Amino acid sequence: MENKNLAIASVPIQQWERLYDENTALLNGTVFPCLNMPFYAAESAAETPLGSAISALPQSDNLSSGNEQTQLLLQIMTVSFVLDDLRLYMDTHPADTAPADIKKELVTKRKQLLSQFAQNHYPLTPDCEGCWQEGPMPWEGVCC
């Protein structure tokens, strides 16, 4: 059997740049526009049920759709995604201080959203102090 390459990896050297807004980052799978390199096969992904579901996510100017619980969960998920992407960037670029202020702001925003969600519904993380005392526990099926 002849040895053939199945793929050729390409890892671009990433530079700090203007970031996507939180919702655009979630839809594209990265907060960095330079890393948004969809494959040709992804063009038809919007026609799949998953692609349709992703396309149906509220855009940054339209977070009013859905109920309050769904809105908060989407905001928490979106902020958490951006924080994860920034953390990965900071892990590979330790000398770059540019993302530090954005990360600090987003950490505060995430904590506020988690606290708001815990007060209105149920705690999502064990670090929601005082939230575990009232109402059903997550293992009692409240999250389902």
Protein backbone atom coordinates (compact mmCIF):
# COMPACT_ATOMS: atom_id res chain seq x y z
CA MET A 1 0.00 0.00 0.00
CA GLU A 2 1.27 3.42 -0.95
CA ASN A 3 1.77 6.00 1.83
CA LYS A 4 -0.42 9.00 1.20
CA ASN A 5 -1.10 12.01 3.32
CA LEU A 6 -4.61 12.17 4.69
CA ALA A 7 -4.22 15.76 5.81
CA ILE A 8 -1.76 18.56 6.15
CA ALA A 9 -1.95 20.52 9.38
CA SER A 10 -1.76 24.27 9.26
CA VAL A 11 -1.45 26.25 12.46
CA PRO A 12 -1.40 29.99 11.81
CA ILE A 13 0.68 32.21 14.04
CA GLN A 14 -2.00 34.13 15.83
CA GLN A 15 -1.74 37.85 16.46
CA TRP A 16 -3.94 39.95 18.74
CA GLU A 17 -6.70 41.62 16.76
CA ARG A 18 -10.14 43.09 17.08
CA LEU A 19 -12.43 40.35 18.41
CA TYR A 20 -15.80 39.16 17.22
CA ASP A 21 -18.70 40.16 19.44
CA GLU A 22 -19.75 37.39 21.84
CA ASN A 23 -22.61 35.96 19.75
CA THR A 24 -20.68 36.02 16.48
CA ALA A 25 -17.81 34.24 18.25
CA LEU A 26 -20.13 31.49 19.46
CA LEU A 27 -21.62 31.00 15.99
CA ASN A 28 -18.18 30.87 14.33
CA GLY A 29 -16.46 28.76 16.98
CA THR A 30 -13.78 31.37 17.70
CA VAL A 31 -13.52 34.89 19.02
CA PHE A 32 -10.68 35.63 16.59
CA PRO A 33 -11.62 36.48 12.98
CA CYS A 34 -8.19 35.33 11.71
CA LEU A 35 -8.94 31.81 12.99
CA ASN A 36 -12.34 31.63 11.32
CA MET A 37 -11.45 29.41 8.40
CA PRO A 38 -14.48 27.30 7.54
CA PHE A 39 -13.96 24.25 5.38
CA TYR A 40 -15.80 23.94 2.08
CA ALA A 41 -17.84 21.07 3.56
CA ALA A 42 -19.18 23.45 6.22
CA GLU A 43 -20.99 25.52 3.59
CA SER A 44 -23.78 22.96 3.49
CA ALA A 45 -23.85 22.59 7.30
CA ALA A 46 -26.54 25.28 7.60
CA GLU A 47 -28.88 22.88 5.81
CA THR A 48 -28.55 20.26 8.56
CA PRO A 49 -30.73 20.27 11.70
CA LEU A 50 -27.72 21.28 13.83
CA GLY A 51 -26.84 24.08 11.43
CA SER A 52 -30.43 25.30 11.52
CA ALA A 53 -30.42 25.26 15.32
CA ILE A 54 -27.20 27.27 15.45
CA SER A 55 -28.56 29.75 12.93
CA ALA A 56 -31.64 30.17 15.12
CA LEU A 57 -29.59 31.41 18.09
CA PRO A 58 -30.44 35.01 18.93
CA GLN A 59 -28.08 37.57 17.47
CA SER A 60 -26.40 40.21 19.65
CA ASP A 61 -29.17 42.72 18.94
CA ASN A 62 -31.99 40.23 19.48
CA LEU A 63 -31.57 38.57 22.87
CA SER A 64 -35.22 39.25 23.70
CA SER A 65 -36.50 36.06 22.08
CA GLY A 66 -37.25 33.08 24.34
CA ASN A 67 -37.98 33.09 28.02
CA GLU A 68 -35.83 34.73 30.67
CA GLN A 69 -34.23 31.45 31.77
CA THR A 70 -33.19 30.57 28.21
CA GLN A 71 -31.83 34.08 27.66
CA LEU A 72 -29.68 33.91 30.78
CA LEU A 73 -28.38 30.45 29.88
CA LEU A 74 -27.47 31.66 26.39
CA GLN A 75 -25.67 34.70 27.82
CA ILE A 76 -23.75 32.53 30.31
CA MET A 77 -22.82 30.07 27.57
CA THR A 78 -21.69 32.85 25.24
CA VAL A 79 -19.57 34.68 27.82
CA SER A 80 -18.06 31.39 29.00
CA PHE A 81 -17.14 30.50 25.41
CA VAL A 82 -15.37 33.82 24.86
CA LEU A 83 -13.53 33.46 28.18
CA ASP A 84 -12.34 29.99 27.18
CA ASP A 85 -11.07 31.28 23.83
CA LEU A 86 -9.26 34.19 25.53
CA ARG A 87 -7.71 31.81 28.06
CA LEU A 88 -6.38 29.63 25.24
CA TYR A 89 -4.88 32.69 23.56
CA MET A 90 -3.31 33.83 26.82
CA ASP A 91 -1.87 30.33 27.39
CA THR A 92 -0.02 30.52 24.07
CA HIS A 93 0.84 34.24 24.27
CA PRO A 94 1.85 34.84 27.91
CA ALA A 95 3.67 38.09 27.14
CA ASP A 96 0.61 39.67 25.48
CA THR A 97 -1.25 41.79 28.03
CA ALA A 98 -3.94 43.04 25.64
CA PRO A 99 -6.64 40.48 26.56
CA ALA A 100 -6.29 40.96 30.34
CA ASP A 101 -8.81 43.82 30.63
CA ILE A 102 -11.34 42.06 28.41
CA LYS A 103 -10.94 38.86 30.42
CA LYS A 104 -11.39 40.73 33.73
CA GLU A 105 -14.57 42.40 32.45
CA LEU A 106 -15.99 39.09 31.16
CA VAL A 107 -15.17 37.23 34.40
CA THR A 108 -17.17 39.87 36.31
CA LYS A 109 -20.02 39.65 33.80
CA ARG A 110 -20.09 35.84 34.02
CA LYS A 111 -20.18 35.92 37.84
CA GLN A 112 -23.10 38.37 37.73
CA LEU A 113 -25.00 36.22 35.24
CA LEU A 114 -24.39 33.04 37.28
CA SER A 115 -25.56 34.79 40.44
CA GLN A 116 -28.66 36.16 38.71
CA PHE A 117 -29.49 32.74 37.30
CA ALA A 118 -28.97 31.06 40.69
CA GLN A 119 -31.27 33.57 42.41
CA ASN A 120 -34.02 33.27 39.79
CA HIS A 121 -33.82 29.56 38.99
CA TYR A 122 -31.18 27.21 40.43
CA PRO A 123 -27.39 27.25 40.85
CA LEU A 124 -25.34 26.16 37.87
CA THR A 125 -22.04 25.92 39.72
CA PRO A 126 -21.10 25.00 43.26
CA ASP A 127 -19.43 28.38 43.79
CA CYS A 128 -22.83 30.12 43.93
CA GLU A 129 -22.57 30.68 47.69
CA GLY A 130 -25.77 30.33 49.64
CA CYS A 131 -27.72 29.10 46.62
CA TRP A 132 -27.73 25.45 47.58
CA GLN A 133 -29.94 25.99 50.61
CA GLU A 134 -33.30 26.62 48.96
CA GLY A 135 -35.24 24.69 46.34
CA PRO A 136 -34.52 21.36 44.71
CA MET A 137 -30.94 20.21 44.21
CA PRO A 138 -29.58 19.72 40.67
CA TRP A 139 -29.43 15.94 41.19
CA GLU A 140 -33.17 16.01 41.91
CA GLY A 141 -33.82 16.67 38.21
CA VAL A 142 -34.25 20.44 38.31
CA CYS A 143 -31.76 20.92 35.45
CA CYS A 144 -33.52 18.48 33.13
